[in-house]
Amino acid sequence: FERFDNIWCHGDFSELTAHDGVIIYGRSDATLNPG
């Protein structure tokens, strides 16, 4: 609950799709940040 007040932040790097489905791209703490 530290990242966003009163909201559970799970730590997954994700996307909501046009089908209302979900894609998980990996853990947020392992996300790469080149440039």
PDB file of all heavy atoms in Angstrom:
ATOM      1  N   PHE A   1       0.800  -1.230   0.000  1.00  0.00           N
ATOM      2  CA  PHE A   1       0.000   0.000   0.000  1.00  0.00           C
ATOM      3  C   PHE A   1       0.832   1.279   0.000  1.00  0.00           C
ATOM      4  O   PHE A   1       0.278   2.364   0.139  1.00  0.00           O
ATOM      5  CB  PHE A   1      -0.936  -0.004   1.222  1.00  0.00           C
ATOM      6  CG  PHE A   1      -1.827  -1.208   1.272  1.00  0.00           C
ATOM      7  CD1 PHE A   1      -1.564  -2.252   2.152  1.00  0.00           C
ATOM      8  CD2 PHE A   1      -2.914  -1.321   0.425  1.00  0.00           C
ATOM      9  CE1 PHE A   1      -2.371  -3.374   2.197  1.00  0.00           C
ATOM     10  CE2 PHE A   1      -3.727  -2.438   0.460  1.00  0.00           C
ATOM     11  CZ  PHE A   1      -3.458  -3.466   1.343  1.00  0.00           C
ATOM     12  N   GLU A   2       2.153   1.144  -0.176  1.00  0.00           N
ATOM     13  CA  GLU A   2       3.005   2.332  -0.153  1.00  0.00           C
ATOM     14  C   GLU A   2       2.973   3.085  -1.472  1.00  0.00           C
ATOM     15  O   GLU A   2       3.047   4.318  -1.500  1.00  0.00           O
ATOM     16  CB  GLU A   2       4.445   1.917   0.189  1.00  0.00           C
ATOM     17  CG  GLU A   2       5.081   2.794   1.242  1.00  0.00           C
ATOM     18  CD  GLU A   2       6.399   2.204   1.742  1.00  0.00           C
ATOM     19  OE1 GLU A   2       7.194   1.707   0.905  1.00  0.00           O
ATOM     20  OE2 GLU A   2       6.628   2.233   2.960  1.00  0.00           O
ATOM     21  N   ARG A   3       2.850   2.368  -2.586  1.00  0.00           N
ATOM     22  CA  ARG A   3       2.938   3.001  -3.906  1.00  0.00           C
ATOM     23  C   ARG A   3       1.736   3.909  -4.170  1.00  0.00           C
ATOM     24  O   ARG A   3       1.885   5.044  -4.621  1.00  0.00           O
ATOM     25  CB  ARG A   3       3.036   1.908  -4.980  1.00  0.00           C
ATOM     26  CG  ARG A   3       3.124   2.440  -6.412  1.00  0.00           C
ATOM     27  CD  ARG A   3       4.493   3.005  -6.724  1.00  0.00           C
ATOM     28  NE  ARG A   3       4.541   3.601  -8.027  1.00  0.00           N
ATOM     29  CZ  ARG A   3       4.793   2.926  -9.155  1.00  0.00           C
ATOM     30  NH1 ARG A   3       5.005   1.624  -9.115  1.00  0.00           N
ATOM     31  NH2 ARG A   3       4.837   3.558 -10.307  1.00  0.00           N
ATOM     32  N   PHE A   4       0.533   3.403  -3.909  1.00  0.00           N
ATOM     33  CA  PHE A   4      -0.698   4.165  -4.119  1.00  0.00           C
ATOM     34  C   PHE A   4      -1.536   4.080  -2.848  1.00  0.00           C
ATOM     35  O   PHE A   4      -1.794   2.988  -2.349  1.00  0.00           O
ATOM     36  CB  PHE A   4      -1.494   3.604  -5.308  1.00  0.00           C
ATOM     37  CG  PHE A   4      -0.732   3.532  -6.597  1.00  0.00           C
ATOM     38  CD1 PHE A   4      -0.388   2.309  -7.148  1.00  0.00           C
ATOM     39  CD2 PHE A   4      -0.341   4.689  -7.259  1.00  0.00           C
ATOM     40  CE1 PHE A   4       0.322   2.226  -8.338  1.00  0.00           C
ATOM     41  CE2 PHE A   4       0.368   4.618  -8.449  1.00  0.00           C
ATOM     42  CZ  PHE A   4       0.708   3.392  -8.991  1.00  0.00           C
ATOM     43  N   ASP A   5      -1.973   5.214  -2.338  1.00  0.00           N
ATOM     44  CA  ASP A   5      -2.700   5.264  -1.081  1.00  0.00           C
ATOM     45  C   ASP A   5      -4.028   4.514  -1.182  1.00  0.00           C
ATOM     46  O   ASP A   5      -4.813   4.721  -2.113  1.00  0.00           O
ATOM     47  CB  ASP A   5      -2.970   6.727  -0.693  1.00  0.00           C
ATOM     48  CG  ASP A   5      -3.648   6.836   0.664  1.00  0.00           C
ATOM     49  OD1 ASP A   5      -3.185   6.176   1.615  1.00  0.00           O
ATOM     50  OD2 ASP A   5      -4.662   7.562   0.762  1.00  0.00           O
ATOM     51  N   ASN A   6      -4.278   3.614  -0.200  1.00  0.00           N
ATOM     52  CA  ASN A   6      -5.550   2.904  -0.089  1.00  0.00           C
ATOM     53  C   ASN A   6      -5.824   1.992  -1.287  1.00  0.00           C
ATOM     54  O   ASN A   6      -6.969   1.635  -1.563  1.00  0.00           O
ATOM     55  CB  ASN A   6      -6.716   3.892   0.082  1.00  0.00           C
ATOM     56  CG  ASN A   6      -7.853   3.304   0.902  1.00  0.00           C
ATOM     57  OD1 ASN A   6      -7.626   2.604   1.880  1.00  0.00           O
ATOM     58  ND2 ASN A   6      -9.081   3.568   0.492  1.00  0.00           N
ATOM     59  N   ILE A   7      -4.770   1.603  -1.987  1.00  0.00           N
ATOM     60  CA  ILE A   7      -4.897   0.746  -3.172  1.00  0.00           C
ATOM     61  C   ILE A   7      -3.810  -0.320  -3.101  1.00  0.00           C
ATOM     62  O   ILE A   7      -2.650  -0.031  -2.809  1.00  0.00           O
ATOM     63  CB  ILE A   7      -4.773   1.570  -4.468  1.00  0.00           C
ATOM     64  CG1 ILE A   7      -6.069   2.373  -4.699  1.00  0.00           C
ATOM     65  CG2 ILE A   7      -4.476   0.697  -5.676  1.00  0.00           C
ATOM     66  CD1 ILE A   7      -5.991   3.355  -5.836  1.00  0.00           C
ATOM     67  N   TRP A   8      -4.202  -1.558  -3.370  1.00  0.00           N
ATOM     68  CA  TRP A   8      -3.252  -2.674  -3.398  1.00  0.00           C
ATOM     69  C   TRP A   8      -2.447  -2.599  -4.689  1.00  0.00           C
ATOM     70  O   TRP A   8      -3.006  -2.659  -5.783  1.00  0.00           O
ATOM     71  CB  TRP A   8      -4.021  -3.992  -3.338  1.00  0.00           C
ATOM     72  CG  TRP A   8      -3.170  -5.229  -3.427  1.00  0.00           C
ATOM     73  CD1 TRP A   8      -2.517  -5.696  -4.527  1.00  0.00           C
ATOM     74  CD2 TRP A   8      -2.914  -6.175  -2.384  1.00  0.00           C
ATOM     75  NE1 TRP A   8      -1.863  -6.866  -4.249  1.00  0.00           N
ATOM     76  CE2 TRP A   8      -2.088  -7.186  -2.931  1.00  0.00           C
ATOM     77  CE3 TRP A   8      -3.301  -6.274  -1.048  1.00  0.00           C
ATOM     78  CZ2 TRP A   8      -1.653  -8.275  -2.180  1.00  0.00           C
ATOM     79  CZ3 TRP A   8      -2.858  -7.360  -0.302  1.00  0.00           C
ATOM     80  CH2 TRP A   8      -2.046  -8.341  -0.854  1.00  0.00           C
ATOM     81  N   CYS A   9      -1.135  -2.488  -4.576  1.00  0.00           N
ATOM     82  CA  CYS A   9      -0.240  -2.524  -5.735  1.00  0.00           C
ATOM     83  C   CYS A   9       0.503  -3.855  -5.690  1.00  0.00           C
ATOM     84  O   CYS A   9       1.278  -4.119  -4.776  1.00  0.00           O
ATOM     85  CB  CYS A   9       0.744  -1.358  -5.696  1.00  0.00           C
ATOM     86  SG  CYS A   9       1.794  -1.255  -7.166  1.00  0.00           S
ATOM     87  N   HIS A  10       0.243  -4.681  -6.705  1.00  0.00           N
ATOM     88  CA  HIS A  10       0.675  -6.070  -6.630  1.00  0.00           C
ATOM     89  C   HIS A  10       2.121  -6.289  -7.061  1.00  0.00           C
ATOM     90  O   HIS A  10       2.719  -7.303  -6.703  1.00  0.00           O
ATOM     91  CB  HIS A  10      -0.259  -6.937  -7.480  1.00  0.00           C
ATOM     92  CG  HIS A  10      -0.083  -8.401  -7.227  1.00  0.00           C
ATOM     93  ND1 HIS A  10      -0.162  -8.953  -5.953  1.00  0.00           N
ATOM     94  CD2 HIS A  10       0.182  -9.436  -8.062  1.00  0.00           C
ATOM     95  CE1 HIS A  10       0.025 -10.253  -6.029  1.00  0.00           C
ATOM     96  NE2 HIS A  10       0.246 -10.580  -7.289  1.00  0.00           N
ATOM     97  N   GLY A  11       2.663  -5.406  -7.873  1.00  0.00           N
ATOM     98  CA  GLY A  11       4.040  -5.585  -8.304  1.00  0.00           C
ATOM     99  C   GLY A  11       4.200  -6.329  -9.601  1.00  0.00           C
ATOM    100  O   GLY A  11       5.286  -6.827  -9.908  1.00  0.00           O
ATOM    101  N   ASP A  12       3.117  -6.418 -10.402  1.00  0.00           N
ATOM    102  CA  ASP A  12       3.202  -7.027 -11.730  1.00  0.00           C
ATOM    103  C   ASP A  12       3.103  -5.936 -12.793  1.00  0.00           C
ATOM    104  O   ASP A  12       2.244  -5.053 -12.716  1.00  0.00           O
ATOM    105  CB  ASP A  12       2.058  -8.034 -11.948  1.00  0.00           C
ATOM    106  CG  ASP A  12       2.359  -9.405 -11.363  1.00  0.00           C
ATOM    107  OD1 ASP A  12       3.533  -9.661 -11.039  1.00  0.00           O
ATOM    108  OD2 ASP A  12       1.427 -10.215 -11.227  1.00  0.00           O
ATOM    109  N   PHE A  13       3.961  -6.024 -13.790  1.00  0.00           N
ATOM    110  CA  PHE A  13       3.968  -5.112 -14.934  1.00  0.00           C
ATOM    111  C   PHE A  13       2.988  -5.687 -15.947  1.00  0.00           C
ATOM    112  O   PHE A  13       3.205  -6.782 -16.483  1.00  0.00           O
ATOM    113  CB  PHE A  13       5.390  -5.052 -15.491  1.00  0.00           C
ATOM    114  CG  PHE A  13       5.653  -3.921 -16.444  1.00  0.00           C
ATOM    115  CD1 PHE A  13       5.166  -2.651 -16.211  1.00  0.00           C
ATOM    116  CD2 PHE A  13       6.428  -4.126 -17.575  1.00  0.00           C
ATOM    117  CE1 PHE A  13       5.435  -1.607 -17.088  1.00  0.00           C
ATOM    118  CE2 PHE A  13       6.707  -3.099 -18.454  1.00  0.00           C
ATOM    119  CZ  PHE A  13       6.209  -1.835 -18.208  1.00  0.00           C
ATOM    120  N   SER A  14       1.890  -4.980 -16.209  1.00  0.00           N
ATOM    121  CA  SER A  14       0.735  -5.596 -16.865  1.00  0.00           C
ATOM    122  C   SER A  14       0.082  -4.669 -17.875  1.00  0.00           C
ATOM    123  O   SER A  14       0.425  -3.491 -17.981  1.00  0.00           O
ATOM    124  CB  SER A  14      -0.311  -5.986 -15.799  1.00  0.00           C
ATOM    125  OG  SER A  14       0.284  -6.721 -14.760  1.00  0.00           O
ATOM    126  N   GLU A  15      -0.905  -5.242 -18.584  1.00  0.00           N
ATOM    127  CA  GLU A  15      -1.681  -4.475 -19.563  1.00  0.00           C
ATOM    128  C   GLU A  15      -3.097  -5.031 -19.642  1.00  0.00           C
ATOM    129  O   GLU A  15      -3.290  -6.258 -19.667  1.00  0.00           O
ATOM    130  CB  GLU A  15      -1.018  -4.568 -20.944  1.00  0.00           C
ATOM    131  CG  GLU A  15      -1.785  -3.872 -22.052  1.00  0.00           C
ATOM    132  CD  GLU A  15      -1.222  -4.164 -23.434  1.00  0.00           C
ATOM    133  OE1 GLU A  15      -0.076  -4.648 -23.521  1.00  0.00           O
ATOM    134  OE2 GLU A  15      -1.928  -3.915 -24.425  1.00  0.00           O
ATOM    135  N   LEU A  16      -4.085  -4.146 -19.664  1.00  0.00           N
ATOM    136  CA  LEU A  16      -5.468  -4.521 -19.950  1.00  0.00           C
ATOM    137  C   LEU A  16      -5.683  -4.406 -21.448  1.00  0.00           C
ATOM    138  O   LEU A  16      -5.384  -3.371 -22.047  1.00  0.00           O
ATOM    139  CB  LEU A  16      -6.445  -3.598 -19.221  1.00  0.00           C
ATOM    140  CG  LEU A  16      -6.815  -3.963 -17.791  1.00  0.00           C
ATOM    141  CD1 LEU A  16      -7.619  -2.832 -17.161  1.00  0.00           C
ATOM    142  CD2 LEU A  16      -7.613  -5.255 -17.763  1.00  0.00           C
ATOM    143  N   THR A  17      -6.205  -5.451 -22.056  1.00  0.00           N
ATOM    144  CA  THR A  17      -6.301  -5.495 -23.519  1.00  0.00           C
ATOM    145  C   THR A  17      -7.676  -5.063 -24.013  1.00  0.00           C
ATOM    146  O   THR A  17      -8.615  -4.865 -23.240  1.00  0.00           O
ATOM    147  CB  THR A  17      -6.035  -6.921 -24.033  1.00  0.00           C
ATOM    148  OG1 THR A  17      -7.175  -7.745 -23.742  1.00  0.00           O
ATOM    149  CG2 THR A  17      -4.798  -7.522 -23.393  1.00  0.00           C
ATOM    150  N   ALA A  18      -7.794  -4.978 -25.331  1.00  0.00           N
ATOM    151  CA  ALA A  18      -9.062  -4.607 -25.960  1.00  0.00           C
ATOM    152  C   ALA A  18     -10.145  -5.647 -25.702  1.00  0.00           C
ATOM    153  O   ALA A  18     -11.343  -5.347 -25.793  1.00  0.00           O
ATOM    154  CB  ALA A  18      -8.862  -4.434 -27.466  1.00  0.00           C
ATOM    155  N   HIS A  19      -9.742  -6.891 -25.385  1.00  0.00           N
ATOM    156  CA  HIS A  19     -10.715  -7.944 -25.090  1.00  0.00           C
ATOM    157  C   HIS A  19     -11.115  -7.958 -23.623  1.00  0.00           C
ATOM    158  O   HIS A  19     -11.842  -8.851 -23.195  1.00  0.00           O
ATOM    159  CB  HIS A  19     -10.129  -9.327 -25.435  1.00  0.00           C
ATOM    160  CG  HIS A  19      -9.679  -9.458 -26.851  1.00  0.00           C
ATOM    161  ND1 HIS A  19      -8.398  -9.847 -27.189  1.00  0.00           N
ATOM    162  CD2 HIS A  19     -10.319  -9.236 -28.023  1.00  0.00           C
ATOM    163  CE1 HIS A  19      -8.289  -9.873 -28.507  1.00  0.00           C
ATOM    164  NE2 HIS A  19      -9.433  -9.501 -29.033  1.00  0.00           N
ATOM    165  N   ASP A  20     -10.619  -6.970 -22.857  1.00  0.00           N
ATOM    166  CA  ASP A  20     -10.793  -6.936 -21.409  1.00  0.00           C
ATOM    167  C   ASP A  20     -10.054  -8.092 -20.749  1.00  0.00           C
ATOM    168  O   ASP A  20     -10.402  -8.528 -19.647  1.00  0.00           O
ATOM    169  CB  ASP A  20     -12.269  -6.953 -21.001  1.00  0.00           C
ATOM    170  CG  ASP A  20     -12.499  -6.199 -19.692  1.00  0.00           C
ATOM    171  OD1 ASP A  20     -11.682  -5.316 -19.376  1.00  0.00           O
ATOM    172  OD2 ASP A  20     -13.479  -6.513 -18.998  1.00  0.00           O
ATOM    173  N   GLY A  21      -9.054  -8.603 -21.464  1.00  0.00           N
ATOM    174  CA  GLY A  21      -8.152  -9.586 -20.893  1.00  0.00           C
ATOM    175  C   GLY A  21      -6.932  -8.889 -20.313  1.00  0.00           C
ATOM    176  O   GLY A  21      -6.854  -7.656 -20.256  1.00  0.00           O
ATOM    177  N   VAL A  22      -5.969  -9.682 -19.883  1.00  0.00           N
ATOM    178  CA  VAL A  22      -4.789  -9.138 -19.210  1.00  0.00           C
ATOM    179  C   VAL A  22      -3.541  -9.835 -19.739  1.00  0.00           C
ATOM    180  O   VAL A  22      -3.550 -11.042 -19.993  1.00  0.00           O
ATOM    181  CB  VAL A  22      -4.886  -9.331 -17.678  1.00  0.00           C
ATOM    182  CG1 VAL A  22      -3.642  -8.779 -16.984  1.00  0.00           C
ATOM    183  CG2 VAL A  22      -6.141  -8.655 -17.129  1.00  0.00           C
ATOM    184  N   ILE A  23      -2.479  -9.052 -19.918  1.00  0.00           N
ATOM    185  CA  ILE A  23      -1.158  -9.595 -20.238  1.00  0.00           C
ATOM    186  C   ILE A  23      -0.219  -9.223 -19.097  1.00  0.00           C
ATOM    187  O   ILE A  23      -0.200  -8.061 -18.661  1.00  0.00           O
ATOM    188  CB  ILE A  23      -0.618  -9.033 -21.564  1.00  0.00           C
ATOM    189  CG1 ILE A  23      -1.540  -9.437 -22.723  1.00  0.00           C
ATOM    190  CG2 ILE A  23       0.800  -9.536 -21.821  1.00  0.00           C
ATOM    191  CD1 ILE A  23      -1.243  -8.705 -24.005  1.00  0.00           C
ATOM    192  N   ILE A  24       0.528 -10.191 -18.584  1.00  0.00           N
ATOM    193  CA  ILE A  24       1.537  -9.950 -17.551  1.00  0.00           C
ATOM    194  C   ILE A  24       2.905  -9.979 -18.225  1.00  0.00           C
ATOM    195  O   ILE A  24       3.251 -10.947 -18.899  1.00  0.00           O
ATOM    196  CB  ILE A  24       1.479 -11.014 -16.439  1.00  0.00           C
ATOM    197  CG1 ILE A  24       0.062 -11.133 -15.859  1.00  0.00           C
ATOM    198  CG2 ILE A  24       2.489 -10.685 -15.354  1.00  0.00           C
ATOM    199  CD1 ILE A  24      -0.408  -9.977 -15.043  1.00  0.00           C
ATOM    200  N   TYR A  25       3.666  -8.920 -18.032  1.00  0.00           N
ATOM    201  CA  TYR A  25       4.990  -8.808 -18.668  1.00  0.00           C
ATOM    202  C   TYR A  25       6.136  -9.153 -17.724  1.00  0.00           C
ATOM    203  O   TYR A  25       7.299  -9.105 -18.131  1.00  0.00           O
ATOM    204  CB  TYR A  25       5.187  -7.395 -19.207  1.00  0.00           C
ATOM    205  CG  TYR A  25       4.288  -7.070 -20.380  1.00  0.00           C
ATOM    206  CD1 TYR A  25       3.119  -6.340 -20.204  1.00  0.00           C
ATOM    207  CD2 TYR A  25       4.591  -7.513 -21.656  1.00  0.00           C
ATOM    208  CE1 TYR A  25       2.285  -6.043 -21.280  1.00  0.00           C
ATOM    209  CE2 TYR A  25       3.771  -7.232 -22.735  1.00  0.00           C
ATOM    210  CZ  TYR A  25       2.612  -6.491 -22.536  1.00  0.00           C
ATOM    211  OH  TYR A  25       1.795  -6.218 -23.606  1.00  0.00           O
ATOM    212  N   GLY A  26       5.818  -9.493 -16.493  1.00  0.00           N
ATOM    213  CA  GLY A  26       6.861  -9.832 -15.528  1.00  0.00           C
ATOM    214  C   GLY A  26       6.694  -9.020 -14.257  1.00  0.00           C
ATOM    215  O   GLY A  26       5.798  -8.177 -14.136  1.00  0.00           O
ATOM    216  N   ARG A  27       7.564  -9.300 -13.297  1.00  0.00           N
ATOM    217  CA  ARG A  27       7.511  -8.572 -12.039  1.00  0.00           C
ATOM    218  C   ARG A  27       8.024  -7.145 -12.240  1.00  0.00           C
ATOM    219  O   ARG A  27       9.005  -6.908 -12.943  1.00  0.00           O
ATOM    220  CB  ARG A  27       8.364  -9.280 -10.992  1.00  0.00           C
ATOM    221  CG  ARG A  27       7.818 -10.617 -10.552  1.00  0.00           C
ATOM    222  CD  ARG A  27       6.511 -10.470  -9.799  1.00  0.00           C
ATOM    223  NE  ARG A  27       6.662  -9.723  -8.554  1.00  0.00           N
ATOM    224  CZ  ARG A  27       5.637  -9.285  -7.829  1.00  0.00           C
ATOM    225  NH1 ARG A  27       4.394  -9.477  -8.243  1.00  0.00           N
ATOM    226  NH2 ARG A  27       5.850  -8.630  -6.705  1.00  0.00           N
ATOM    227  N   SER A  28       7.364  -6.188 -11.579  1.00  0.00           N
ATOM    228  CA  SER A  28       7.757  -4.784 -11.727  1.00  0.00           C
ATOM    229  C   SER A  28       9.172  -4.543 -11.227  1.00  0.00           C
ATOM    230  O   SER A  28       9.914  -3.744 -11.806  1.00  0.00           O
ATOM    231  CB  SER A  28       6.777  -3.886 -10.958  1.00  0.00           C
ATOM    232  OG  SER A  28       5.473  -4.016 -11.469  1.00  0.00           O
ATOM    233  N   ASP A  29       9.559  -5.246 -10.146  1.00  0.00           N
ATOM    234  CA  ASP A  29      10.897  -4.998  -9.598  1.00  0.00           C
ATOM    235  C   ASP A  29      11.989  -5.609 -10.466  1.00  0.00           C
ATOM    236  O   ASP A  29      13.168  -5.323 -10.279  1.00  0.00           O
ATOM    237  CB  ASP A  29      11.015  -5.492  -8.154  1.00  0.00           C
ATOM    238  CG  ASP A  29      10.588  -6.936  -7.970  1.00  0.00           C
ATOM    239  OD1 ASP A  29      10.394  -7.647  -8.982  1.00  0.00           O
ATOM    240  OD2 ASP A  29      10.447  -7.363  -6.812  1.00  0.00           O
ATOM    241  N   ALA A  30      11.611  -6.461 -11.444  1.00  0.00           N
ATOM    242  CA  ALA A  30      12.590  -7.009 -12.384  1.00  0.00           C
ATOM    243  C   ALA A  30      12.521  -6.325 -13.746  1.00  0.00           C
ATOM    244  O   ALA A  30      13.269  -6.681 -14.659  1.00  0.00           O
ATOM    245  CB  ALA A  30      12.371  -8.505 -12.556  1.00  0.00           C
ATOM    246  N   THR A  31      11.633  -5.338 -13.876  1.00  0.00           N
ATOM    247  CA  THR A  31      11.481  -4.643 -15.150  1.00  0.00           C
ATOM    248  C   THR A  31      12.783  -3.960 -15.543  1.00  0.00           C
ATOM    249  O   THR A  31      13.476  -3.373 -14.707  1.00  0.00           O
ATOM    250  CB  THR A  31      10.345  -3.599 -15.040  1.00  0.00           C
ATOM    251  OG1 THR A  31       9.138  -4.285 -14.744  1.00  0.00           O
ATOM    252  CG2 THR A  31      10.182  -2.825 -16.319  1.00  0.00           C
ATOM    253  N   LEU A  32      13.102  -4.032 -16.823  1.00  0.00           N
ATOM    254  CA  LEU A  32      14.318  -3.414 -17.352  1.00  0.00           C
ATOM    255  C   LEU A  32      14.034  -1.961 -17.726  1.00  0.00           C
ATOM    256  O   LEU A  32      12.932  -1.617 -18.147  1.00  0.00           O
ATOM    257  CB  LEU A  32      14.806  -4.183 -18.577  1.00  0.00           C
ATOM    258  CG  LEU A  32      14.938  -5.700 -18.394  1.00  0.00           C
ATOM    259  CD1 LEU A  32      15.209  -6.380 -19.721  1.00  0.00           C
ATOM    260  CD2 LEU A  32      16.029  -6.019 -17.386  1.00  0.00           C
ATOM    261  N   ASN A  33      15.066  -1.120 -17.584  1.00  0.00           N
ATOM    262  CA  ASN A  33      14.881   0.303 -17.868  1.00  0.00           C
ATOM    263  C   ASN A  33      16.008   0.876 -18.718  1.00  0.00           C
ATOM    264  O   ASN A  33      16.583   1.905 -18.378  1.00  0.00           O
ATOM    265  CB  ASN A  33      14.812   1.092 -16.554  1.00  0.00           C
ATOM    266  CG  ASN A  33      13.393   1.464 -16.189  1.00  0.00           C
ATOM    267  OD1 ASN A  33      12.640   1.963 -17.021  1.00  0.00           O
ATOM    268  ND2 ASN A  33      13.030   1.197 -14.950  1.00  0.00           N
ATOM    269  N   PRO A  34      16.363   0.282 -19.848  1.00  0.00           N
ATOM    270  CA  PRO A  34      17.433   0.866 -20.668  1.00  0.00           C
ATOM    271  C   PRO A  34      16.992   2.195 -21.275  1.00  0.00           C
ATOM    272  O   PRO A  34      15.948   2.266 -21.931  1.00  0.00           O
ATOM    273  CB  PRO A  34      17.661  -0.198 -21.743  1.00  0.00           C
ATOM    274  CG  PRO A  34      16.353  -0.910 -21.851  1.00  0.00           C
ATOM    275  CD  PRO A  34      15.773  -0.912 -20.469  1.00  0.00           C
ATOM    276  N   GLY A  35      17.741   3.212 -21.022  1.00  0.00           N
ATOM    277  CA  GLY A  35      17.398   4.531 -21.571  1.00  0.00           C
ATOM    278  C   GLY A  35      16.099   5.081 -21.037  1.00  0.00           C
ATOM    279  O   GLY A  35      15.470   5.947 -21.660  1.00  0.00           O
TER     280      GLY A  35
END
